[in-house]
Amino acid sequence: MADKLGANGLPLIIDCGVDDFLLEINREVHRRLVYNLTPHDYTERPGSHTWEYWQNALPYHMLFFQKVLQANGVSIP
C-alpha cells in the first residue's frame, strides 16, 4: 500500500528506534516511499519501543505537526 500513501498529499512522518522490534518494517516502508518518490520524514534514533524513546521523540513530532497545521492556515498560539 506504500504506493497509495502519497496519493492524498497528507504529510507523513515515520520515527523508529534502532532497537525497536518494528525497525525492519519501518525501513521497508521508507524504502518503498523513496522508490515511489512519496515525500515523508523518516527518523531512526537510538532506543526501542519504550516511553523513554517517545519522551525524546514526541517534541520532534509536535514540530512536524505544527508546520503541517501552519501550512494549512491553522494558527498556533
N, C-alpha and C. Protein backbone atom coordinates (compact mmCIF):
# COMPACT_ATOMS: atom_id res chain seq x y z
N MET A 1 0.80 -1.20 0.00
CA MET A 1 0.00 0.00 0.00
C MET A 1 0.85 1.27 0.00
N ALA A 2 2.17 1.12 0.01
CA ALA A 2 3.04 2.30 0.04
C ALA A 2 2.80 3.19 -1.17
N ASP A 3 2.40 2.62 -2.28
CA ASP A 3 2.15 3.42 -3.48
C ASP A 3 0.92 4.31 -3.32
N LYS A 4 0.05 4.03 -2.37
CA LYS A 4 -1.16 4.83 -2.17
C LYS A 4 -1.00 5.89 -1.09
N LEU A 5 0.06 5.79 -0.29
CA LEU A 5 0.22 6.71 0.83
C LEU A 5 0.39 8.16 0.40
N GLY A 6 1.02 8.41 -0.70
CA GLY A 6 1.24 9.79 -1.14
C GLY A 6 0.11 10.34 -1.98
N ALA A 7 -0.85 9.53 -2.34
CA ALA A 7 -1.90 9.95 -3.26
C ALA A 7 -2.75 11.10 -2.72
N ASN A 8 -2.97 11.14 -1.41
CA ASN A 8 -3.83 12.18 -0.86
C ASN A 8 -3.06 13.41 -0.40
N GLY A 9 -1.74 13.36 -0.48
CA GLY A 9 -0.92 14.51 -0.14
C GLY A 9 -0.76 14.77 1.35
N LEU A 10 -1.22 13.85 2.19
CA LEU A 10 -1.04 14.05 3.62
C LEU A 10 0.44 13.92 3.99
N PRO A 11 0.93 14.81 4.84
CA PRO A 11 2.31 14.70 5.29
C PRO A 11 2.52 13.42 6.11
N LEU A 12 3.63 12.77 5.90
CA LEU A 12 3.92 11.52 6.59
C LEU A 12 5.18 11.66 7.44
N ILE A 13 5.13 11.07 8.62
CA ILE A 13 6.30 11.02 9.48
C ILE A 13 6.43 9.60 10.01
N ILE A 14 7.66 9.08 9.94
CA ILE A 14 7.97 7.75 10.47
C ILE A 14 9.16 7.93 11.40
N ASP A 15 9.06 7.42 12.61
CA ASP A 15 10.11 7.57 13.61
C ASP A 15 10.24 6.24 14.33
N CYS A 16 11.45 5.68 14.33
CA CYS A 16 11.62 4.34 14.90
C CYS A 16 12.99 4.22 15.55
N GLY A 17 13.03 3.55 16.69
CA GLY A 17 14.29 3.29 17.37
C GLY A 17 15.04 2.14 16.71
N VAL A 18 16.36 2.21 16.74
CA VAL A 18 17.17 1.19 16.09
C VAL A 18 17.10 -0.16 16.82
N ASP A 19 16.57 -0.18 18.03
CA ASP A 19 16.38 -1.42 18.77
C ASP A 19 14.91 -1.84 18.82
N ASP A 20 14.07 -1.15 18.08
CA ASP A 20 12.63 -1.43 18.06
C ASP A 20 12.35 -2.70 17.26
N PHE A 21 11.42 -3.50 17.73
CA PHE A 21 11.05 -4.72 17.01
C PHE A 21 10.38 -4.41 15.67
N LEU A 22 9.96 -3.19 15.46
CA LEU A 22 9.32 -2.78 14.21
C LEU A 22 10.29 -2.10 13.24
N LEU A 23 11.58 -2.11 13.55
CA LEU A 23 12.56 -1.37 12.74
C LEU A 23 12.58 -1.82 11.29
N GLU A 24 12.68 -3.10 11.02
CA GLU A 24 12.78 -3.57 9.64
C GLU A 24 11.53 -3.26 8.83
N ILE A 25 10.39 -3.33 9.45
CA ILE A 25 9.13 -2.98 8.77
C ILE A 25 9.15 -1.50 8.40
N ASN A 26 9.57 -0.66 9.35
CA ASN A 26 9.65 0.78 9.07
C ASN A 26 10.66 1.08 7.98
N ARG A 27 11.79 0.39 8.00
CA ARG A 27 12.79 0.59 6.95
C ARG A 27 12.24 0.21 5.58
N GLU A 28 11.48 -0.87 5.53
CA GLU A 28 10.92 -1.30 4.25
C GLU A 28 9.88 -0.29 3.74
N VAL A 29 9.04 0.23 4.62
CA VAL A 29 8.08 1.26 4.20
C VAL A 29 8.83 2.48 3.69
N HIS A 30 9.87 2.88 4.41
CA HIS A 30 10.70 4.01 3.98
C HIS A 30 11.29 3.78 2.59
N ARG A 31 11.86 2.59 2.36
CA ARG A 31 12.44 2.26 1.05
C ARG A 31 11.38 2.37 -0.05
N ARG A 32 10.20 1.87 0.22
CA ARG A 32 9.15 1.91 -0.80
C ARG A 32 8.66 3.34 -1.05
N LEU A 33 8.60 4.14 0.00
CA LEU A 33 8.20 5.54 -0.19
C LEU A 33 9.25 6.30 -0.99
N VAL A 34 10.52 6.03 -0.74
CA VAL A 34 11.59 6.66 -1.51
C VAL A 34 11.48 6.23 -2.97
N TYR A 35 11.29 4.94 -3.19
CA TYR A 35 11.17 4.41 -4.54
C TYR A 35 10.00 5.06 -5.30
N ASN A 36 8.89 5.28 -4.59
CA ASN A 36 7.69 5.88 -5.21
C ASN A 36 7.74 7.40 -5.24
N LEU A 37 8.84 7.98 -4.74
CA LEU A 37 9.00 9.44 -4.67
C LEU A 37 7.91 10.08 -3.81
N THR A 38 7.49 9.38 -2.76
CA THR A 38 6.48 9.90 -1.84
C THR A 38 7.18 10.71 -0.75
N PRO A 39 6.88 11.99 -0.65
CA PRO A 39 7.52 12.81 0.39
C PRO A 39 7.15 12.30 1.79
N HIS A 40 8.15 12.25 2.65
CA HIS A 40 7.93 11.84 4.03
C HIS A 40 9.16 12.18 4.86
N ASP A 41 8.96 12.26 6.16
CA ASP A 41 10.07 12.43 7.10
C ASP A 41 10.33 11.08 7.73
N TYR A 42 11.60 10.67 7.74
CA TYR A 42 11.96 9.38 8.31
C TYR A 42 13.11 9.58 9.29
N THR A 43 12.94 9.04 10.49
CA THR A 43 13.97 9.17 11.52
C THR A 43 14.20 7.83 12.19
N GLU A 44 15.47 7.50 12.36
CA GLU A 44 15.90 6.40 13.22
C GLU A 44 16.79 7.02 14.28
N ARG A 45 16.58 6.60 15.50
CA ARG A 45 17.42 7.11 16.59
C ARG A 45 17.64 5.98 17.60
N PRO A 46 18.63 6.11 18.47
CA PRO A 46 18.87 5.06 19.46
C PRO A 46 17.63 4.82 20.32
N GLY A 47 17.41 3.55 20.64
CA GLY A 47 16.32 3.22 21.54
C GLY A 47 15.39 2.18 20.97
N SER A 48 14.39 1.84 21.76
CA SER A 48 13.41 0.84 21.35
C SER A 48 12.01 1.42 21.58
N HIS A 49 11.02 0.56 21.51
CA HIS A 49 9.62 0.99 21.62
C HIS A 49 9.26 1.16 23.10
N THR A 50 9.82 2.23 23.69
CA THR A 50 9.64 2.48 25.12
C THR A 50 9.16 3.91 25.35
N TRP A 51 8.66 4.16 26.54
CA TRP A 51 8.22 5.51 26.87
C TRP A 51 9.41 6.47 26.86
N GLU A 52 10.57 6.02 27.30
CA GLU A 52 11.76 6.87 27.28
C GLU A 52 12.06 7.33 25.86
N TYR A 53 11.95 6.42 24.90
CA TYR A 53 12.17 6.77 23.50
C TYR A 53 11.17 7.85 23.07
N TRP A 54 9.91 7.63 23.36
CA TRP A 54 8.87 8.56 22.89
C TRP A 54 8.92 9.89 23.60
N GLN A 55 9.40 9.92 24.84
CA GLN A 55 9.57 11.21 25.51
C GLN A 55 10.57 12.08 24.75
N ASN A 56 11.56 11.46 24.17
CA ASN A 56 12.54 12.19 23.35
C ASN A 56 11.97 12.52 21.98
N ALA A 57 11.21 11.61 21.38
CA ALA A 57 10.74 11.77 20.00
C ALA A 57 9.55 12.72 19.87
N LEU A 58 8.66 12.73 20.86
CA LEU A 58 7.42 13.50 20.72
C LEU A 58 7.61 14.99 20.47
N PRO A 59 8.60 15.67 21.07
CA PRO A 59 8.78 17.08 20.73
C PRO A 59 9.06 17.30 19.23
N TYR A 60 9.77 16.38 18.59
CA TYR A 60 10.01 16.49 17.15
C TYR A 60 8.73 16.28 16.36
N HIS A 61 7.90 15.38 16.84
CA HIS A 61 6.60 15.15 16.18
C HIS A 61 5.72 16.38 16.31
N MET A 62 5.75 17.02 17.47
CA MET A 62 4.95 18.23 17.66
C MET A 62 5.40 19.33 16.69
N LEU A 63 6.70 19.47 16.47
CA LEU A 63 7.20 20.45 15.49
C LEU A 63 6.72 20.10 14.09
N PHE A 64 6.78 18.83 13.74
CA PHE A 64 6.31 18.38 12.43
C PHE A 64 4.84 18.75 12.23
N PHE A 65 4.00 18.43 13.20
CA PHE A 65 2.57 18.70 13.06
C PHE A 65 2.27 20.20 13.15
N GLN A 66 3.06 20.94 13.90
CA GLN A 66 2.88 22.39 13.94
C GLN A 66 3.10 22.98 12.54
N LYS A 67 4.14 22.53 11.86
CA LYS A 67 4.40 23.01 10.50
C LYS A 67 3.28 22.61 9.54
N VAL A 68 2.76 21.40 9.70
CA VAL A 68 1.66 20.95 8.85
C VAL A 68 0.43 21.82 9.08
N LEU A 69 0.10 22.07 10.34
CA LEU A 69 -1.06 22.89 10.64
C LEU A 69 -0.89 24.31 10.12
N GLN A 70 0.27 24.90 10.33
CA GLN A 70 0.53 26.26 9.85
C GLN A 70 0.45 26.32 8.33
N ALA A 71 0.95 25.31 7.65
CA ALA A 71 0.89 25.28 6.18
C ALA A 71 -0.55 25.19 5.67
N ASN A 72 -1.45 24.76 6.55
CA ASN A 72 -2.86 24.66 6.19
C ASN A 72 -3.70 25.75 6.80
N GLY A 73 -3.05 26.83 7.22
CA GLY A 73 -3.76 28.02 7.69
C GLY A 73 -4.28 27.96 9.10
N VAL A 74 -3.83 27.01 9.91
CA VAL A 74 -4.25 26.93 11.29
C VAL A 74 -3.23 27.69 12.12
N SER A 75 -3.72 28.67 12.89
CA SER A 75 -2.78 29.45 13.71
C SER A 75 -2.51 28.71 15.00
N ILE A 76 -1.24 28.69 15.35
CA ILE A 76 -0.78 28.05 16.58
C ILE A 76 -0.33 29.15 17.54
N PRO A 77 -0.97 29.25 18.70
CA PRO A 77 -0.57 30.32 19.64
C PRO A 77 0.81 30.08 20.20
